Amino acid sequence: MKITEIVEKLEKIEKCTEGEALELTTSLIDELIQFDLKMNKFFRNVNMEEQLLQYLMDEGIESGLIGKA
């Protein structure tokens, strides 16, 4: 499933919600769009395997999925 498909489904949910659920759904949609834009920009600029691996390591460390050694 693509991010755009997920966003479309969340937008349908967003129309049926209110209050905190609406705020959370809207926030999630915004985060997904920002992530998609960031990844599109990144992949336009990546031309070497080393850059991709470094990016994945940096993102993993930043998100806490990979611990710094």
C-alpha atoms as a PDB file:
ATOM      1  CA  MET A   1       0.000   0.000   0.000  1.00  0.00           C
ATOM      2  CA  LYS A   2       1.334   3.442  -0.928  1.00  0.00           C
ATOM      3  CA  ILE A   3       1.391   6.427   1.395  1.00  0.00           C
ATOM      4  CA  THR A   4      -1.097   8.241  -0.835  1.00  0.00           C
ATOM      5  CA  GLU A   5      -3.566   5.363  -0.424  1.00  0.00           C
ATOM      6  CA  ILE A   6      -3.127   5.454   3.353  1.00  0.00           C
ATOM      7  CA  VAL A   7      -3.670   9.221   3.388  1.00  0.00           C
ATOM      8  CA  GLU A   8      -6.845   8.855   1.301  1.00  0.00           C
ATOM      9  CA  LYS A   9      -8.257   6.309   3.762  1.00  0.00           C
ATOM     10  CA  LEU A  10      -7.302   8.491   6.724  1.00  0.00           C
ATOM     11  CA  GLU A  11      -9.010  11.469   5.104  1.00  0.00           C
ATOM     12  CA  LYS A  12     -12.222   9.422   4.903  1.00  0.00           C
ATOM     13  CA  ILE A  13     -11.872   8.593   8.599  1.00  0.00           C
ATOM     14  CA  GLU A  14     -11.070  12.234   9.357  1.00  0.00           C
ATOM     15  CA  LYS A  15     -14.425  13.329   7.898  1.00  0.00           C
ATOM     16  CA  CYS A  16     -16.251  11.073  10.388  1.00  0.00           C
ATOM     17  CA  THR A  17     -14.379  12.130  13.512  1.00  0.00           C
ATOM     18  CA  GLU A  18     -14.359  15.071  15.869  1.00  0.00           C
ATOM     19  CA  GLY A  19     -12.491  16.317  18.902  1.00  0.00           C
ATOM     20  CA  GLU A  20      -9.215  14.683  19.821  1.00  0.00           C
ATOM     21  CA  ALA A  21      -9.634  11.911  17.242  1.00  0.00           C
ATOM     22  CA  LEU A  22      -9.937  14.553  14.515  1.00  0.00           C
ATOM     23  CA  GLU A  23      -6.799  16.329  15.737  1.00  0.00           C
ATOM     24  CA  LEU A  24      -4.835  13.070  15.921  1.00  0.00           C
ATOM     25  CA  THR A  25      -5.984  11.974  12.470  1.00  0.00           C
ATOM     26  CA  THR A  26      -5.118  15.351  10.961  1.00  0.00           C
ATOM     27  CA  SER A  27      -1.708  15.269  12.616  1.00  0.00           C
ATOM     28  CA  LEU A  28      -1.031  11.752  11.329  1.00  0.00           C
ATOM     29  CA  ILE A  29      -2.003  12.764   7.788  1.00  0.00           C
ATOM     30  CA  ASP A  30       0.356  15.747   7.952  1.00  0.00           C
ATOM     31  CA  GLU A  31       3.204  13.572   9.248  1.00  0.00           C
ATOM     32  CA  LEU A  32       2.700  11.010   6.489  1.00  0.00           C
ATOM     33  CA  ILE A  33       2.672  13.707   3.808  1.00  0.00           C
ATOM     34  CA  GLN A  34       5.854  15.267   5.206  1.00  0.00           C
ATOM     35  CA  PHE A  35       7.532  11.843   5.321  1.00  0.00           C
ATOM     36  CA  ASP A  36       6.503  11.109   1.737  1.00  0.00           C
ATOM     37  CA  LEU A  37       7.844  14.458   0.541  1.00  0.00           C
ATOM     38  CA  LYS A  38      11.102  13.905   2.444  1.00  0.00           C
ATOM     39  CA  MET A  39      11.558  10.441   0.953  1.00  0.00           C
ATOM     40  CA  ASN A  40      10.777  11.628  -2.580  1.00  0.00           C
ATOM     41  CA  LYS A  41      13.321  14.426  -2.264  1.00  0.00           C
ATOM     42  CA  PHE A  42      15.891  12.031  -0.823  1.00  0.00           C
ATOM     43  CA  PHE A  43      15.517   9.414  -3.550  1.00  0.00           C
ATOM     44  CA  ARG A  44      15.816  12.060  -6.268  1.00  0.00           C
ATOM     45  CA  ASN A  45      19.220  12.958  -4.844  1.00  0.00           C
ATOM     46  CA  VAL A  46      20.536   9.485  -3.984  1.00  0.00           C
ATOM     47  CA  ASN A  47      22.792   8.036  -6.578  1.00  0.00           C
ATOM     48  CA  MET A  48      25.116   5.892  -4.505  1.00  0.00           C
ATOM     49  CA  GLU A  49      24.498   2.880  -2.307  1.00  0.00           C
ATOM     50  CA  GLU A  50      26.728   4.325   0.409  1.00  0.00           C
ATOM     51  CA  GLN A  51      24.549   7.436   0.752  1.00  0.00           C
ATOM     52  CA  LEU A  52      21.444   5.273   1.091  1.00  0.00           C
ATOM     53  CA  LEU A  53      23.013   3.108   3.770  1.00  0.00           C
ATOM     54  CA  GLN A  54      24.226   6.166   5.698  1.00  0.00           C
ATOM     55  CA  TYR A  55      20.758   7.727   5.533  1.00  0.00           C
ATOM     56  CA  LEU A  56      19.120   4.551   6.797  1.00  0.00           C
ATOM     57  CA  MET A  57      21.601   4.319   9.666  1.00  0.00           C
ATOM     58  CA  ASP A  58      21.064   7.979  10.613  1.00  0.00           C
ATOM     59  CA  GLU A  59      17.271   7.596  10.514  1.00  0.00           C
ATOM     60  CA  GLY A  60      17.460   4.393  12.542  1.00  0.00           C
ATOM     61  CA  ILE A  61      19.600   6.053  15.184  1.00  0.00           C
ATOM     62  CA  GLU A  62      17.395   9.153  15.263  1.00  0.00           C
ATOM     63  CA  SER A  63      14.216   7.115  15.657  1.00  0.00           C
ATOM     64  CA  GLY A  64      15.781   4.883  18.320  1.00  0.00           C
ATOM     65  CA  LEU A  65      15.542   1.719  16.249  1.00  0.00           C
ATOM     66  CA  ILE A  66      19.323   1.466  16.106  1.00  0.00           C
ATOM     67  CA  GLY A  67      21.347   2.211  19.229  1.00  0.00           C
ATOM     68  CA  LYS A  68      24.563   4.193  18.923  1.00  0.00           C
ATOM     69  CA  ALA A  69      27.574   1.986  19.561  1.00  0.00           C
END
